[in-house]
Amino acid sequence: MLMLEKNTDRSNALDIALMFKALGDPTRLKIFEFLRAQCCPVAVEETGDVRPVLGPTVGEVCCSVTGADKITSSVSFHIKELRLAGLVTVERRGKNQICGVNQAAVRVLADYLSATGSSSTNDRDDCC
């Protein structure tokens, strides 16, 4: 499982490589994009209490990505791979599994992609 808390260059490189590998599959990328596009709706209980819903269920992800009416083993596998790479969270709520994007992982990727240089590259002022 992804360990975003580690600060060593080697573990950070391995974490980022795992995320890119997971996103390298078109189905997983489509699932990740679907989850990123979700806002956080609320659920109204029978008592009138309102609680936040942390994201769509695995079934809703499956329906959106594949058009299937029920969860397929393929989508379950892809969600598991995204979870193991640290990109998504899956939380059991009663009979449902609620999926969401791990915002810490998104920040790690954004920081990596926006970095202007690293210790492994030459520091040049004329680099684009």
N, C-alpha and C. Protein backbone atom coordinates (compact mmCIF):
# COMPACT_ATOMS: atom_id res chain seq x y z
N MET A 1 0.84 -1.18 0.00
CA MET A 1 0.00 0.00 0.00
C MET A 1 0.88 1.24 0.00
N LEU A 2 0.44 2.28 -0.62
CA LEU A 2 1.18 3.53 -0.75
C LEU A 2 1.41 4.17 0.60
N MET A 3 2.62 4.65 0.81
CA MET A 3 2.97 5.31 2.06
C MET A 3 3.39 6.74 1.76
N LEU A 4 2.43 7.65 1.67
CA LEU A 4 2.71 9.02 1.31
C LEU A 4 3.46 9.79 2.40
N GLU A 5 3.49 9.26 3.61
CA GLU A 5 4.12 9.99 4.71
C GLU A 5 5.63 9.93 4.65
N LYS A 6 6.20 8.94 3.96
CA LYS A 6 7.64 8.80 3.91
C LYS A 6 8.24 9.98 3.18
N ASN A 7 9.43 10.40 3.60
CA ASN A 7 10.06 11.58 3.03
C ASN A 7 11.31 11.27 2.23
N THR A 8 11.75 10.03 2.16
CA THR A 8 12.96 9.73 1.42
C THR A 8 12.71 9.84 -0.07
N ASP A 9 13.75 10.22 -0.81
CA ASP A 9 13.62 10.36 -2.25
C ASP A 9 13.24 9.03 -2.90
N ARG A 10 13.83 7.93 -2.43
CA ARG A 10 13.56 6.62 -3.02
C ARG A 10 12.11 6.21 -2.81
N SER A 11 11.61 6.34 -1.58
CA SER A 11 10.22 5.93 -1.33
C SER A 11 9.25 6.85 -2.06
N ASN A 12 9.58 8.15 -2.15
CA ASN A 12 8.73 9.07 -2.88
C ASN A 12 8.69 8.70 -4.37
N ALA A 13 9.84 8.33 -4.93
CA ALA A 13 9.89 7.92 -6.33
C ALA A 13 9.07 6.65 -6.55
N LEU A 14 9.15 5.71 -5.61
CA LEU A 14 8.37 4.48 -5.74
C LEU A 14 6.87 4.76 -5.65
N ASP A 15 6.48 5.64 -4.72
CA ASP A 15 5.07 6.01 -4.58
C ASP A 15 4.54 6.63 -5.87
N ILE A 16 5.30 7.56 -6.42
CA ILE A 16 4.88 8.24 -7.65
C ILE A 16 4.83 7.26 -8.82
N ALA A 17 5.80 6.36 -8.91
CA ALA A 17 5.80 5.35 -9.97
C ALA A 17 4.57 4.45 -9.87
N LEU A 18 4.19 4.08 -8.63
CA LEU A 18 2.99 3.26 -8.43
C LEU A 18 1.73 4.00 -8.91
N MET A 19 1.67 5.29 -8.62
CA MET A 19 0.50 6.08 -9.03
C MET A 19 0.44 6.17 -10.55
N PHE A 20 1.57 6.45 -11.19
CA PHE A 20 1.58 6.54 -12.65
C PHE A 20 1.25 5.19 -13.29
N LYS A 21 1.77 4.11 -12.71
CA LYS A 21 1.46 2.78 -13.23
C LYS A 21 -0.04 2.49 -13.15
N ALA A 22 -0.63 2.84 -12.01
CA ALA A 22 -2.07 2.62 -11.85
C ALA A 22 -2.87 3.45 -12.85
N LEU A 23 -2.45 4.69 -13.07
CA LEU A 23 -3.18 5.56 -13.99
C LEU A 23 -2.87 5.25 -15.45
N GLY A 24 -1.88 4.39 -15.70
CA GLY A 24 -1.52 4.02 -17.06
C GLY A 24 -2.53 3.12 -17.74
N ASP A 25 -3.43 2.55 -16.98
CA ASP A 25 -4.48 1.71 -17.56
C ASP A 25 -5.68 2.59 -17.91
N PRO A 26 -6.20 2.50 -19.14
CA PRO A 26 -7.31 3.37 -19.55
C PRO A 26 -8.56 3.26 -18.68
N THR A 27 -8.89 2.06 -18.23
CA THR A 27 -10.07 1.89 -17.38
C THR A 27 -9.86 2.54 -16.02
N ARG A 28 -8.68 2.36 -15.44
CA ARG A 28 -8.39 2.98 -14.15
C ARG A 28 -8.36 4.50 -14.28
N LEU A 29 -7.81 4.99 -15.37
CA LEU A 29 -7.79 6.44 -15.59
C LEU A 29 -9.22 6.98 -15.69
N LYS A 30 -10.08 6.25 -16.38
CA LYS A 30 -11.49 6.66 -16.52
C LYS A 30 -12.19 6.66 -15.15
N ILE A 31 -11.92 5.65 -14.33
CA ILE A 31 -12.49 5.58 -12.98
C ILE A 31 -11.99 6.75 -12.15
N PHE A 32 -10.68 7.02 -12.21
CA PHE A 32 -10.10 8.12 -11.44
C PHE A 32 -10.68 9.46 -11.88
N GLU A 33 -10.83 9.66 -13.19
CA GLU A 33 -11.41 10.90 -13.69
C GLU A 33 -12.86 11.05 -13.23
N PHE A 34 -13.61 9.95 -13.25
CA PHE A 34 -14.99 9.99 -12.77
C PHE A 34 -15.04 10.40 -11.30
N LEU A 35 -14.18 9.80 -10.48
CA LEU A 35 -14.17 10.13 -9.06
C LEU A 35 -13.73 11.56 -8.81
N ARG A 36 -12.77 12.04 -9.58
CA ARG A 36 -12.31 13.43 -9.41
C ARG A 36 -13.41 14.42 -9.76
N ALA A 37 -14.30 14.06 -10.66
CA ALA A 37 -15.37 14.97 -11.10
C ALA A 37 -16.52 15.04 -10.10
N GLN A 38 -16.54 14.14 -9.12
CA GLN A 38 -17.64 14.10 -8.17
C GLN A 38 -17.49 15.18 -7.10
N CYS A 39 -18.60 15.82 -6.80
CA CYS A 39 -18.60 16.72 -5.65
C CYS A 39 -19.16 15.93 -4.47
N CYS A 40 -19.15 16.51 -3.33
CA CYS A 40 -19.62 15.79 -2.14
C CYS A 40 -21.08 16.11 -1.87
N PRO A 41 -22.01 15.25 -2.29
CA PRO A 41 -23.43 15.46 -2.01
C PRO A 41 -23.74 15.16 -0.56
N VAL A 42 -24.96 15.41 -0.15
CA VAL A 42 -25.40 15.09 1.20
C VAL A 42 -26.53 14.09 1.13
N ALA A 43 -26.69 13.34 2.19
CA ALA A 43 -27.79 12.39 2.30
C ALA A 43 -28.69 12.86 3.43
N VAL A 44 -30.00 12.79 3.21
CA VAL A 44 -30.97 13.14 4.24
C VAL A 44 -31.50 11.85 4.82
N GLU A 45 -31.28 11.67 6.12
CA GLU A 45 -31.74 10.46 6.80
C GLU A 45 -33.25 10.53 7.00
N GLU A 46 -33.87 9.41 7.35
CA GLU A 46 -35.31 9.37 7.62
C GLU A 46 -35.67 10.28 8.79
N THR A 47 -34.72 10.51 9.69
CA THR A 47 -34.95 11.36 10.85
C THR A 47 -34.88 12.85 10.50
N GLY A 48 -34.44 13.16 9.29
CA GLY A 48 -34.28 14.55 8.88
C GLY A 48 -32.86 15.05 9.04
N ASP A 49 -32.01 14.23 9.67
CA ASP A 49 -30.61 14.61 9.82
C ASP A 49 -29.92 14.58 8.46
N VAL A 50 -28.99 15.50 8.26
CA VAL A 50 -28.23 15.57 7.02
C VAL A 50 -26.80 15.16 7.31
N ARG A 51 -26.26 14.30 6.48
CA ARG A 51 -24.87 13.89 6.62
C ARG A 51 -24.20 13.93 5.25
N PRO A 52 -22.91 14.25 5.24
CA PRO A 52 -22.21 14.27 3.96
C PRO A 52 -22.02 12.85 3.44
N VAL A 53 -22.08 12.69 2.16
CA VAL A 53 -21.75 11.43 1.51
C VAL A 53 -20.38 11.66 0.89
N LEU A 54 -19.44 10.81 1.23
CA LEU A 54 -18.06 11.05 0.85
C LEU A 54 -17.76 10.76 -0.61
N GLY A 55 -18.66 10.19 -1.33
CA GLY A 55 -18.42 9.90 -2.73
C GLY A 55 -19.38 8.86 -3.23
N PRO A 56 -19.23 8.51 -4.50
CA PRO A 56 -20.13 7.52 -5.08
C PRO A 56 -19.79 6.11 -4.58
N THR A 57 -20.77 5.24 -4.67
CA THR A 57 -20.55 3.85 -4.31
C THR A 57 -19.81 3.15 -5.45
N VAL A 58 -19.26 1.99 -5.13
CA VAL A 58 -18.58 1.20 -6.16
C VAL A 58 -19.55 0.88 -7.29
N GLY A 59 -20.81 0.61 -6.95
CA GLY A 59 -21.82 0.33 -7.97
C GLY A 59 -22.04 1.51 -8.90
N GLU A 60 -22.07 2.73 -8.34
CA GLU A 60 -22.24 3.93 -9.16
C GLU A 60 -21.04 4.14 -10.08
N VAL A 61 -19.85 3.86 -9.57
CA VAL A 61 -18.64 3.96 -10.40
C VAL A 61 -18.74 2.97 -11.55
N CYS A 62 -19.10 1.75 -11.23
CA CYS A 62 -19.23 0.71 -12.26
C CYS A 62 -20.25 1.09 -13.31
N CYS A 63 -21.41 1.56 -12.87
CA CYS A 63 -22.47 1.96 -13.79
C CYS A 63 -22.00 3.08 -14.71
N SER A 64 -21.31 4.05 -14.16
CA SER A 64 -20.84 5.18 -14.94
C SER A 64 -19.75 4.79 -15.93
N VAL A 65 -18.83 3.96 -15.50
CA VAL A 65 -17.67 3.62 -16.33
C VAL A 65 -18.00 2.56 -17.38
N THR A 66 -18.77 1.54 -16.99
CA THR A 66 -19.02 0.43 -17.92
C THR A 66 -20.44 0.41 -18.47
N GLY A 67 -21.34 1.10 -17.81
CA GLY A 67 -22.74 1.05 -18.22
C GLY A 67 -23.45 -0.18 -17.68
N ALA A 68 -22.74 -1.01 -16.93
CA ALA A 68 -23.34 -2.23 -16.36
C ALA A 68 -24.23 -1.86 -15.18
N ASP A 69 -25.27 -2.67 -14.99
CA ASP A 69 -26.20 -2.43 -13.88
C ASP A 69 -25.68 -2.92 -12.54
N LYS A 70 -24.68 -3.78 -12.57
CA LYS A 70 -24.14 -4.31 -11.32
C LYS A 70 -22.61 -4.23 -11.37
N ILE A 71 -22.01 -4.38 -10.20
CA ILE A 71 -20.56 -4.30 -10.09
C ILE A 71 -19.93 -5.48 -10.81
N THR A 72 -18.96 -5.18 -11.67
CA THR A 72 -18.24 -6.25 -12.35
C THR A 72 -16.92 -6.51 -11.63
N SER A 73 -16.40 -7.72 -11.79
CA SER A 73 -15.13 -8.05 -11.15
C SER A 73 -14.01 -7.20 -11.73
N SER A 74 -14.13 -6.81 -12.99
CA SER A 74 -13.11 -5.98 -13.62
C SER A 74 -13.02 -4.61 -12.94
N VAL A 75 -14.17 -3.98 -12.71
CA VAL A 75 -14.17 -2.67 -12.05
C VAL A 75 -13.68 -2.80 -10.62
N SER A 76 -14.09 -3.84 -9.92
CA SER A 76 -13.61 -4.07 -8.56
C SER A 76 -12.10 -4.19 -8.54
N PHE A 77 -11.54 -4.92 -9.50
CA PHE A 77 -10.09 -5.09 -9.59
C PHE A 77 -9.41 -3.74 -9.82
N HIS A 78 -9.94 -2.93 -10.73
CA HIS A 78 -9.33 -1.64 -11.04
C HIS A 78 -9.42 -0.68 -9.85
N ILE A 79 -10.52 -0.70 -9.14
CA ILE A 79 -10.64 0.14 -7.94
C ILE A 79 -9.64 -0.31 -6.89
N LYS A 80 -9.47 -1.62 -6.75
CA LYS A 80 -8.48 -2.14 -5.79
C LYS A 80 -7.08 -1.66 -6.17
N GLU A 81 -6.73 -1.71 -7.44
CA GLU A 81 -5.41 -1.26 -7.88
C GLU A 81 -5.21 0.24 -7.61
N LEU A 82 -6.24 1.03 -7.85
CA LEU A 82 -6.16 2.47 -7.55
C LEU A 82 -6.01 2.70 -6.06
N ARG A 83 -6.70 1.89 -5.26
CA ARG A 83 -6.60 2.01 -3.80
C ARG A 83 -5.21 1.62 -3.33
N LEU A 84 -4.66 0.53 -3.85
CA LEU A 84 -3.33 0.09 -3.46
C LEU A 84 -2.25 1.09 -3.86
N ALA A 85 -2.48 1.83 -4.95
CA ALA A 85 -1.55 2.87 -5.38
C ALA A 85 -1.73 4.14 -4.55
N GLY A 86 -2.76 4.16 -3.70
CA GLY A 86 -2.99 5.32 -2.84
C GLY A 86 -3.80 6.42 -3.48
N LEU A 87 -4.33 6.19 -4.67
CA LEU A 87 -5.04 7.25 -5.39
C LEU A 87 -6.49 7.41 -4.97
N VAL A 88 -7.12 6.34 -4.50
CA VAL A 88 -8.52 6.42 -4.09
C VAL A 88 -8.69 5.79 -2.71
N THR A 89 -9.76 6.18 -2.06
CA THR A 89 -10.14 5.59 -0.79
C THR A 89 -11.44 4.83 -1.00
N VAL A 90 -11.62 3.78 -0.25
CA VAL A 90 -12.86 3.00 -0.27
C VAL A 90 -13.25 2.77 1.18
N GLU A 91 -14.45 3.23 1.52
CA GLU A 91 -14.94 3.13 2.90
C GLU A 91 -16.27 2.39 2.90
N ARG A 92 -16.36 1.37 3.74
CA ARG A 92 -17.61 0.62 3.84
C ARG A 92 -18.59 1.40 4.70
N ARG A 93 -19.80 1.59 4.17
CA ARG A 93 -20.92 2.21 4.91
C ARG A 93 -22.13 1.32 4.74
N GLY A 94 -22.40 0.52 5.73
CA GLY A 94 -23.50 -0.42 5.64
C GLY A 94 -23.22 -1.42 4.52
N LYS A 95 -24.15 -1.52 3.58
CA LYS A 95 -23.99 -2.43 2.45
C LYS A 95 -23.14 -1.83 1.33
N ASN A 96 -22.89 -0.53 1.41
CA ASN A 96 -22.20 0.16 0.32
C ASN A 96 -20.72 0.37 0.61
N GLN A 97 -19.95 0.47 -0.46
CA GLN A 97 -18.57 0.89 -0.38
C GLN A 97 -18.49 2.25 -1.05
N ILE A 98 -18.09 3.27 -0.30
CA ILE A 98 -18.04 4.64 -0.80
C ILE A 98 -16.62 4.92 -1.29
N CYS A 99 -16.51 5.41 -2.52
CA CYS A 99 -15.21 5.69 -3.14
C CYS A 99 -14.94 7.18 -3.17
N GLY A 100 -13.70 7.54 -3.07
CA GLY A 100 -13.31 8.93 -3.17
C GLY A 100 -11.86 9.04 -3.60
N VAL A 101 -11.47 10.21 -4.05
CA VAL A 101 -10.09 10.46 -4.44
C VAL A 101 -9.29 10.82 -3.21
N ASN A 102 -8.11 10.26 -3.08
CA ASN A 102 -7.20 10.60 -2.00
C ASN A 102 -6.52 11.91 -2.38
N GLN A 103 -6.94 13.00 -1.77
CA GLN A 103 -6.44 14.33 -2.12
C GLN A 103 -4.95 14.47 -1.82
N ALA A 104 -4.44 13.76 -0.82
CA ALA A 104 -3.00 13.81 -0.53
C ALA A 104 -2.20 13.26 -1.70
N ALA A 105 -2.69 12.19 -2.33
CA ALA A 105 -2.01 11.62 -3.49
C ALA A 105 -2.06 12.58 -4.68
N VAL A 106 -3.18 13.26 -4.86
CA VAL A 106 -3.30 14.23 -5.94
C VAL A 106 -2.29 15.35 -5.74
N ARG A 107 -2.12 15.79 -4.49
CA ARG A 107 -1.13 16.84 -4.20
C ARG A 107 0.29 16.36 -4.48
N VAL A 108 0.60 15.10 -4.14
CA VAL A 108 1.92 14.55 -4.41
C VAL A 108 2.18 14.56 -5.91
N LEU A 109 1.21 14.10 -6.69
CA LEU A 109 1.38 14.10 -8.16
C LEU A 109 1.49 15.52 -8.70
N ALA A 110 0.67 16.42 -8.20
CA ALA A 110 0.73 17.81 -8.67
C ALA A 110 2.07 18.44 -8.34
N ASP A 111 2.57 18.20 -7.14
CA ASP A 111 3.88 18.73 -6.75
C ASP A 111 4.97 18.15 -7.64
N TYR A 112 4.88 16.86 -7.90
CA TYR A 112 5.88 16.21 -8.75
C TYR A 112 5.86 16.79 -10.16
N LEU A 113 4.67 16.93 -10.72
CA LEU A 113 4.55 17.42 -12.10
C LEU A 113 4.88 18.90 -12.23
N SER A 114 4.72 19.65 -11.15
CA SER A 114 4.99 21.08 -11.24
C SER A 114 6.40 21.45 -10.77
N ALA A 115 7.16 20.46 -10.30
CA ALA A 115 8.52 20.73 -9.84
C ALA A 115 9.37 21.21 -11.01
N THR A 116 10.18 22.24 -10.76
CA THR A 116 11.00 22.80 -11.83
C THR A 116 12.36 22.15 -11.93
N GLY A 117 12.72 21.36 -10.96
CA GLY A 117 14.02 20.68 -11.01
C GLY A 117 14.15 19.76 -9.83
N SER A 118 15.18 18.92 -9.88
CA SER A 118 15.45 18.01 -8.77
C SER A 118 16.93 17.80 -8.66
N SER A 119 17.33 17.11 -7.64
CA SER A 119 18.75 16.86 -7.43
C SER A 119 19.33 15.94 -8.48
N SER A 120 18.49 15.20 -9.20
CA SER A 120 18.98 14.27 -10.21
C SER A 120 19.16 14.93 -11.58
N THR A 121 18.78 16.17 -11.75
CA THR A 121 18.96 16.85 -13.02
C THR A 121 19.93 18.00 -12.86
N ASN A 122 20.48 18.42 -13.97
CA ASN A 122 21.38 19.56 -13.94
C ASN A 122 20.59 20.83 -13.68
N ASP A 123 21.11 21.68 -12.78
CA ASP A 123 20.46 22.97 -12.53
C ASP A 123 20.93 23.95 -13.58
N ARG A 124 20.04 24.25 -14.52
CA ARG A 124 20.38 25.19 -15.59
C ARG A 124 19.32 26.26 -15.64
N ASP A 125 19.77 27.50 -15.81
CA ASP A 125 18.84 28.61 -15.91
C ASP A 125 18.10 28.62 -17.23
N ASP A 126 18.71 28.03 -18.27
CA ASP A 126 18.10 28.08 -19.59
C ASP A 126 17.19 26.90 -19.89
N CYS A 127 16.96 26.06 -18.90
CA CYS A 127 16.10 24.89 -19.10
C CYS A 127 14.64 25.32 -19.21
N CYS A 128 13.89 24.69 -20.11
CA CYS A 128 12.49 25.06 -20.28
C CYS A 128 11.61 24.37 -19.29
